[in-house]
Amino acid sequence: MDNDQPVTVDVMQKVIAGKESQFEMLLQQIIGAASNFEGYLGASVFRPNSGSSEYRIIFKFDRLENLEIWEDSPIRQRLLKQARKLTVDSGSFSVITGLETWFTLPAQPGLPPPPRYKMVAVTAIAIFVLSQLISLLPLAWMNFLPVLWRSLILTFAMTTVMTYIVMPRLTKVLAWWLYPNLR
């Protein structure tokens, strides 16, 4: 795995009934401790739906090397030891990099990413359609900028739209093809 690319850690953890408030407090300590480490980009917590005790916790780091420093740290080890007293088992976790982060279904936490050829096909189609739509926009207001700056602005705009709008929706729409075993 390339150490220079951003990484996402997807943790699934079942909490012992009646220990939820203690787990929530410990979870805040874990996130607070992680935030003090170099390369920490944030964390998201998806709390259990009714009838479930499973938490999904997502940590993001700027590179694998920084994630490994956090994972090997004494404070994390101490906090995980406390967490084991509040959870059903050791849980599961996966490290996700690159395109795989675009292909996650919130309703199916911990699901392995689809095959790379499917991710490439969906991403290429999405980028093609989005670039064609952007070419239809009246962009004359950007003519005063050098070509490099215009390209940079459009690249950031397209990446943002892909990450937050297009790919989450496209992944849901094409879940039947991306994840055929879910049926």
C-alpha atoms as a PDB file:
ATOM      1  CA  MET A   1       0.000   0.000   0.000  1.00  0.00           C
ATOM      2  CA  ASP A   2       1.289   3.479  -0.886  1.00  0.00           C
ATOM      3  CA  ASN A   3       2.182   5.358   2.308  1.00  0.00           C
ATOM      4  CA  ASP A   4       1.515   8.781   0.775  1.00  0.00           C
ATOM      5  CA  GLN A   5      -2.181   8.448   0.020  1.00  0.00           C
ATOM      6  CA  PRO A   6      -4.970   9.293   2.474  1.00  0.00           C
ATOM      7  CA  VAL A   7      -6.403   6.353   4.393  1.00  0.00           C
ATOM      8  CA  THR A   8      -9.751   5.675   5.990  1.00  0.00           C
ATOM      9  CA  VAL A   9     -10.216   3.175   8.791  1.00  0.00           C
ATOM     10  CA  ASP A  10     -13.708   1.704   9.064  1.00  0.00           C
ATOM     11  CA  VAL A  11     -14.342   0.209  12.510  1.00  0.00           C
ATOM     12  CA  MET A  12     -17.406  -1.880  13.402  1.00  0.00           C
ATOM     13  CA  GLN A  13     -17.992  -2.414  17.108  1.00  0.00           C
ATOM     14  CA  LYS A  14     -20.878  -4.008  19.041  1.00  0.00           C
ATOM     15  CA  VAL A  15     -21.426  -2.590  22.518  1.00  0.00           C
ATOM     16  CA  ILE A  16     -22.627  -4.638  25.485  1.00  0.00           C
ATOM     17  CA  ALA A  17     -26.231  -3.758  26.375  1.00  0.00           C
ATOM     18  CA  GLY A  18     -26.347  -1.143  29.125  1.00  0.00           C
ATOM     19  CA  LYS A  19     -22.768   0.030  28.457  1.00  0.00           C
ATOM     20  CA  GLU A  20     -23.648   2.486  25.689  1.00  0.00           C
ATOM     21  CA  SER A  21     -23.142   5.684  27.710  1.00  0.00           C
ATOM     22  CA  GLN A  22     -19.758   4.492  28.979  1.00  0.00           C
ATOM     23  CA  PHE A  23     -18.786   3.558  25.424  1.00  0.00           C
ATOM     24  CA  GLU A  24     -19.876   6.986  24.146  1.00  0.00           C
ATOM     25  CA  MET A  25     -17.652   8.719  26.730  1.00  0.00           C
ATOM     26  CA  LEU A  26     -14.723   6.470  25.875  1.00  0.00           C
ATOM     27  CA  LEU A  27     -15.320   7.033  22.168  1.00  0.00           C
ATOM     28  CA  GLN A  28     -14.995  10.786  22.710  1.00  0.00           C
ATOM     29  CA  GLN A  29     -11.686  10.173  24.489  1.00  0.00           C
ATOM     30  CA  ILE A  30     -10.450   7.993  21.616  1.00  0.00           C
ATOM     31  CA  ILE A  31     -11.406  10.595  19.000  1.00  0.00           C
ATOM     32  CA  GLY A  32      -9.879  13.363  21.109  1.00  0.00           C
ATOM     33  CA  ALA A  33      -6.635  11.429  21.466  1.00  0.00           C
ATOM     34  CA  ALA A  34      -6.504  10.623  17.734  1.00  0.00           C
ATOM     35  CA  SER A  35      -7.017  14.288  16.885  1.00  0.00           C
ATOM     36  CA  ASN A  36      -3.712  15.120  18.584  1.00  0.00           C
ATOM     37  CA  PHE A  37      -1.761  12.921  16.174  1.00  0.00           C
ATOM     38  CA  GLU A  38      -0.116  14.215  13.024  1.00  0.00           C
ATOM     39  CA  GLY A  39      -2.120  13.592   9.876  1.00  0.00           C
ATOM     40  CA  TYR A  40      -5.494  13.163  11.611  1.00  0.00           C
ATOM     41  CA  LEU A  41      -8.208  14.397   9.234  1.00  0.00           C
ATOM     42  CA  GLY A  42     -11.309  13.636  11.253  1.00  0.00           C
ATOM     43  CA  ALA A  43     -13.652  10.974  12.524  1.00  0.00           C
ATOM     44  CA  SER A  44     -17.309  10.139  11.999  1.00  0.00           C
ATOM     45  CA  VAL A  45     -19.501   8.069  14.281  1.00  0.00           C
ATOM     46  CA  PHE A  46     -22.588   6.250  13.026  1.00  0.00           C
ATOM     47  CA  ARG A  47     -24.604   5.191  16.022  1.00  0.00           C
ATOM     48  CA  PRO A  48     -26.683   2.013  16.077  1.00  0.00           C
ATOM     49  CA  ASN A  49     -30.182   1.925  14.642  1.00  0.00           C
ATOM     50  CA  SER A  50     -32.925   0.762  16.951  1.00  0.00           C
ATOM     51  CA  GLY A  51     -32.580  -2.933  17.672  1.00  0.00           C
ATOM     52  CA  SER A  52     -28.839  -2.892  17.045  1.00  0.00           C
ATOM     53  CA  SER A  53     -25.811  -2.340  19.239  1.00  0.00           C
ATOM     54  CA  GLU A  54     -23.272  -1.891  16.448  1.00  0.00           C
ATOM     55  CA  TYR A  55     -21.353   1.347  16.068  1.00  0.00           C
ATOM     56  CA  ARG A  56     -19.503   2.318  12.935  1.00  0.00           C
ATOM     57  CA  ILE A  57     -16.550   4.620  13.539  1.00  0.00           C
ATOM     58  CA  ILE A  58     -14.561   6.064  10.658  1.00  0.00           C
ATOM     59  CA  PHE A  59     -11.135   7.626  11.141  1.00  0.00           C
ATOM     60  CA  LYS A  60      -9.304   9.476   8.373  1.00  0.00           C
ATOM     61  CA  PHE A  61      -5.579  10.141   8.219  1.00  0.00           C
ATOM     62  CA  ASP A  62      -3.554  11.903   5.555  1.00  0.00           C
ATOM     63  CA  ARG A  63      -1.232   8.925   5.038  1.00  0.00           C
ATOM     64  CA  LEU A  64      -0.705   5.361   6.152  1.00  0.00           C
ATOM     65  CA  GLU A  65       2.468   6.162   8.071  1.00  0.00           C
ATOM     66  CA  ASN A  66       0.616   8.620  10.337  1.00  0.00           C
ATOM     67  CA  LEU A  67      -2.227   6.153  10.859  1.00  0.00           C
ATOM     68  CA  GLU A  68       0.267   3.491  11.937  1.00  0.00           C
ATOM     69  CA  ILE A  69       1.851   5.877  14.455  1.00  0.00           C
ATOM     70  CA  TRP A  70      -1.611   6.430  15.973  1.00  0.00           C
ATOM     71  CA  GLU A  71      -2.417   2.713  15.928  1.00  0.00           C
ATOM     72  CA  ASP A  72       0.846   1.804  17.668  1.00  0.00           C
ATOM     73  CA  SER A  73       0.621   4.575  20.258  1.00  0.00           C
ATOM     74  CA  PRO A  74       0.439   3.687  23.970  1.00  0.00           C
ATOM     75  CA  ILE A  75      -2.590   5.941  24.486  1.00  0.00           C
ATOM     76  CA  ARG A  76      -4.582   4.134  21.783  1.00  0.00           C
ATOM     77  CA  GLN A  77      -3.601   0.759  23.246  1.00  0.00           C
ATOM     78  CA  ARG A  78      -4.745   1.896  26.698  1.00  0.00           C
ATOM     79  CA  LEU A  79      -8.069   3.199  25.368  1.00  0.00           C
ATOM     80  CA  LEU A  80      -8.695   0.028  23.346  1.00  0.00           C
ATOM     81  CA  LYS A  81      -8.068  -2.041  26.456  1.00  0.00           C
ATOM     82  CA  GLN A  82     -10.827  -0.045  28.190  1.00  0.00           C
ATOM     83  CA  ALA A  83     -13.106  -0.467  25.167  1.00  0.00           C
ATOM     84  CA  ARG A  84     -12.783  -4.264  25.310  1.00  0.00           C
ATOM     85  CA  LYS A  85     -14.601  -4.176  28.668  1.00  0.00           C
ATOM     86  CA  LEU A  86     -17.561  -2.437  27.012  1.00  0.00           C
ATOM     87  CA  THR A  87     -17.851  -4.379  23.758  1.00  0.00           C
ATOM     88  CA  VAL A  88     -19.136  -7.786  22.716  1.00  0.00           C
ATOM     89  CA  ASP A  89     -15.965  -8.783  20.861  1.00  0.00           C
ATOM     90  CA  SER A  90     -12.907  -7.184  19.335  1.00  0.00           C
ATOM     91  CA  GLY A  91     -15.001  -5.883  16.431  1.00  0.00           C
ATOM     92  CA  SER A  92     -13.795  -5.556  12.896  1.00  0.00           C
ATOM     93  CA  PHE A  93     -11.915  -2.922  10.992  1.00  0.00           C
ATOM     94  CA  SER A  94     -10.745  -2.309   7.482  1.00  0.00           C
ATOM     95  CA  VAL A  95      -8.344   0.187   5.982  1.00  0.00           C
ATOM     96  CA  ILE A  96      -9.629   1.827   2.814  1.00  0.00           C
ATOM     97  CA  THR A  97      -7.581   3.907   0.384  1.00  0.00           C
ATOM     98  CA  GLY A  98      -8.010   5.614  -2.960  1.00  0.00           C
ATOM     99  CA  LEU A  99     -11.116   4.971  -5.039  1.00  0.00           C
ATOM    100  CA  GLU A 100     -12.513   2.551  -2.468  1.00  0.00           C
ATOM    101  CA  THR A 101     -13.613   5.480  -0.280  1.00  0.00           C
ATOM    102  CA  TRP A 102     -16.057   6.565  -2.995  1.00  0.00           C
ATOM    103  CA  PHE A 103     -17.702   3.142  -2.996  1.00  0.00           C
ATOM    104  CA  THR A 104     -19.138   2.769   0.483  1.00  0.00           C
ATOM    105  CA  LEU A 105     -22.791   2.151   1.236  1.00  0.00           C
ATOM    106  CA  PRO A 106     -23.862   3.718   4.560  1.00  0.00           C
ATOM    107  CA  ALA A 107     -26.588   1.093   4.963  1.00  0.00           C
ATOM    108  CA  GLN A 108     -24.009  -1.702   4.578  1.00  0.00           C
ATOM    109  CA  PRO A 109     -21.145  -0.793   6.903  1.00  0.00           C
ATOM    110  CA  GLY A 110     -17.981  -2.836   6.683  1.00  0.00           C
ATOM    111  CA  LEU A 111     -18.836  -4.167   3.227  1.00  0.00           C
ATOM    112  CA  PRO A 112     -15.691  -4.857   1.201  1.00  0.00           C
ATOM    113  CA  PRO A 113     -15.266  -2.602  -1.825  1.00  0.00           C
ATOM    114  CA  PRO A 114     -16.347  -3.843  -5.255  1.00  0.00           C
ATOM    115  CA  PRO A 115     -13.762  -5.155  -7.736  1.00  0.00           C
ATOM    116  CA  ARG A 116     -11.406  -2.464  -9.020  1.00  0.00           C
ATOM    117  CA  TYR A 117     -12.557  -2.818 -12.638  1.00  0.00           C
ATOM    118  CA  LYS A 118     -16.104  -1.919 -11.557  1.00  0.00           C
ATOM    119  CA  MET A 119     -14.848   1.068  -9.555  1.00  0.00           C
ATOM    120  CA  VAL A 120     -12.825   2.267 -12.552  1.00  0.00           C
ATOM    121  CA  ALA A 121     -15.788   1.842 -14.934  1.00  0.00           C
ATOM    122  CA  VAL A 122     -18.250   3.734 -12.717  1.00  0.00           C
ATOM    123  CA  THR A 123     -15.733   6.481 -11.927  1.00  0.00           C
ATOM    124  CA  ALA A 124     -14.772   6.939 -15.592  1.00  0.00           C
ATOM    125  CA  ILE A 125     -18.413   7.191 -16.668  1.00  0.00           C
ATOM    126  CA  ALA A 126     -19.162   9.676 -13.880  1.00  0.00           C
ATOM    127  CA  ILE A 127     -16.139  11.832 -14.726  1.00  0.00           C
ATOM    128  CA  PHE A 128     -17.005  11.753 -18.438  1.00  0.00           C
ATOM    129  CA  VAL A 129     -20.612  12.834 -17.862  1.00  0.00           C
ATOM    130  CA  LEU A 130     -19.643  15.468 -15.307  1.00  0.00           C
ATOM    131  CA  SER A 131     -16.909  16.918 -17.546  1.00  0.00           C
ATOM    132  CA  GLN A 132     -19.387  17.098 -20.437  1.00  0.00           C
ATOM    133  CA  LEU A 133     -21.873  18.942 -18.219  1.00  0.00           C
ATOM    134  CA  ILE A 134     -19.198  21.350 -17.008  1.00  0.00           C
ATOM    135  CA  SER A 135     -18.232  22.107 -20.608  1.00  0.00           C
ATOM    136  CA  LEU A 136     -21.800  23.343 -21.169  1.00  0.00           C
ATOM    137  CA  LEU A 137     -21.514  25.924 -18.371  1.00  0.00           C
ATOM    138  CA  PRO A 138     -20.887  29.550 -19.291  1.00  0.00           C
ATOM    139  CA  LEU A 139     -17.325  29.887 -18.001  1.00  0.00           C
ATOM    140  CA  ALA A 140     -16.429  33.173 -19.715  1.00  0.00           C
ATOM    141  CA  TRP A 141     -16.137  34.811 -16.309  1.00  0.00           C
ATOM    142  CA  MET A 142     -12.951  32.733 -15.804  1.00  0.00           C
ATOM    143  CA  ASN A 143     -11.242  33.953 -18.986  1.00  0.00           C
ATOM    144  CA  PHE A 144      -9.161  36.510 -17.094  1.00  0.00           C
ATOM    145  CA  LEU A 145      -7.418  33.662 -15.226  1.00  0.00           C
ATOM    146  CA  PRO A 146      -4.431  31.787 -16.635  1.00  0.00           C
ATOM    147  CA  VAL A 147      -5.295  28.383 -18.117  1.00  0.00           C
ATOM    148  CA  LEU A 148      -3.563  26.553 -15.263  1.00  0.00           C
ATOM    149  CA  TRP A 149      -5.693  28.325 -12.631  1.00  0.00           C
ATOM    150  CA  ARG A 150      -8.909  27.649 -14.561  1.00  0.00           C
ATOM    151  CA  SER A 151      -7.988  23.966 -14.770  1.00  0.00           C
ATOM    152  CA  LEU A 152      -7.192  23.864 -11.068  1.00  0.00           C
ATOM    153  CA  ILE A 153     -10.498  25.506 -10.096  1.00  0.00           C
ATOM    154  CA  LEU A 154     -12.507  23.199 -12.369  1.00  0.00           C
ATOM    155  CA  THR A 155     -10.638  20.132 -11.095  1.00  0.00           C
ATOM    156  CA  PHE A 156     -11.402  21.027  -7.478  1.00  0.00           C
ATOM    157  CA  ALA A 157     -15.033  21.756  -8.347  1.00  0.00           C
ATOM    158  CA  MET A 158     -15.408  18.443 -10.194  1.00  0.00           C
ATOM    159  CA  THR A 159     -13.682  16.456  -7.432  1.00  0.00           C
ATOM    160  CA  THR A 160     -15.921  18.034  -4.798  1.00  0.00           C
ATOM    161  CA  VAL A 161     -19.073  17.291  -6.802  1.00  0.00           C
ATOM    162  CA  MET A 162     -17.861  13.728  -7.440  1.00  0.00           C
ATOM    163  CA  THR A 163     -17.050  13.075  -3.781  1.00  0.00           C
ATOM    164  CA  TYR A 164     -20.101  14.600  -2.124  1.00  0.00           C
ATOM    165  CA  ILE A 165     -22.865  14.349  -4.720  1.00  0.00           C
ATOM    166  CA  VAL A 166     -22.250  12.066  -7.700  1.00  0.00           C
ATOM    167  CA  MET A 167     -20.440   9.031  -6.263  1.00  0.00           C
ATOM    168  CA  PRO A 168     -22.610   8.487  -3.167  1.00  0.00           C
ATOM    169  CA  ARG A 169     -25.736   8.559  -5.338  1.00  0.00           C
ATOM    170  CA  LEU A 170     -24.215   6.528  -8.171  1.00  0.00           C
ATOM    171  CA  THR A 171     -22.996   3.893  -5.716  1.00  0.00           C
ATOM    172  CA  LYS A 172     -26.553   3.507  -4.370  1.00  0.00           C
ATOM    173  CA  VAL A 173     -28.102   3.396  -7.848  1.00  0.00           C
ATOM    174  CA  LEU A 174     -25.581   0.835  -9.129  1.00  0.00           C
ATOM    175  CA  ALA A 175     -25.385  -1.211  -5.915  1.00  0.00           C
ATOM    176  CA  TRP A 176     -27.079  -4.111  -7.741  1.00  0.00           C
ATOM    177  CA  TRP A 177     -24.035  -4.323 -10.082  1.00  0.00           C
ATOM    178  CA  LEU A 178     -21.281  -3.211  -7.716  1.00  0.00           C
ATOM    179  CA  TYR A 179     -22.424  -5.538  -4.908  1.00  0.00           C
ATOM    180  CA  PRO A 180     -24.345  -8.397  -6.612  1.00  0.00           C
ATOM    181  CA  ASN A 181     -24.232 -10.571  -3.463  1.00  0.00           C
ATOM    182  CA  LEU A 182     -26.401  -8.113  -1.505  1.00  0.00           C
ATOM    183  CA  ARG A 183     -29.609  -9.274  -3.155  1.00  0.00           C
END
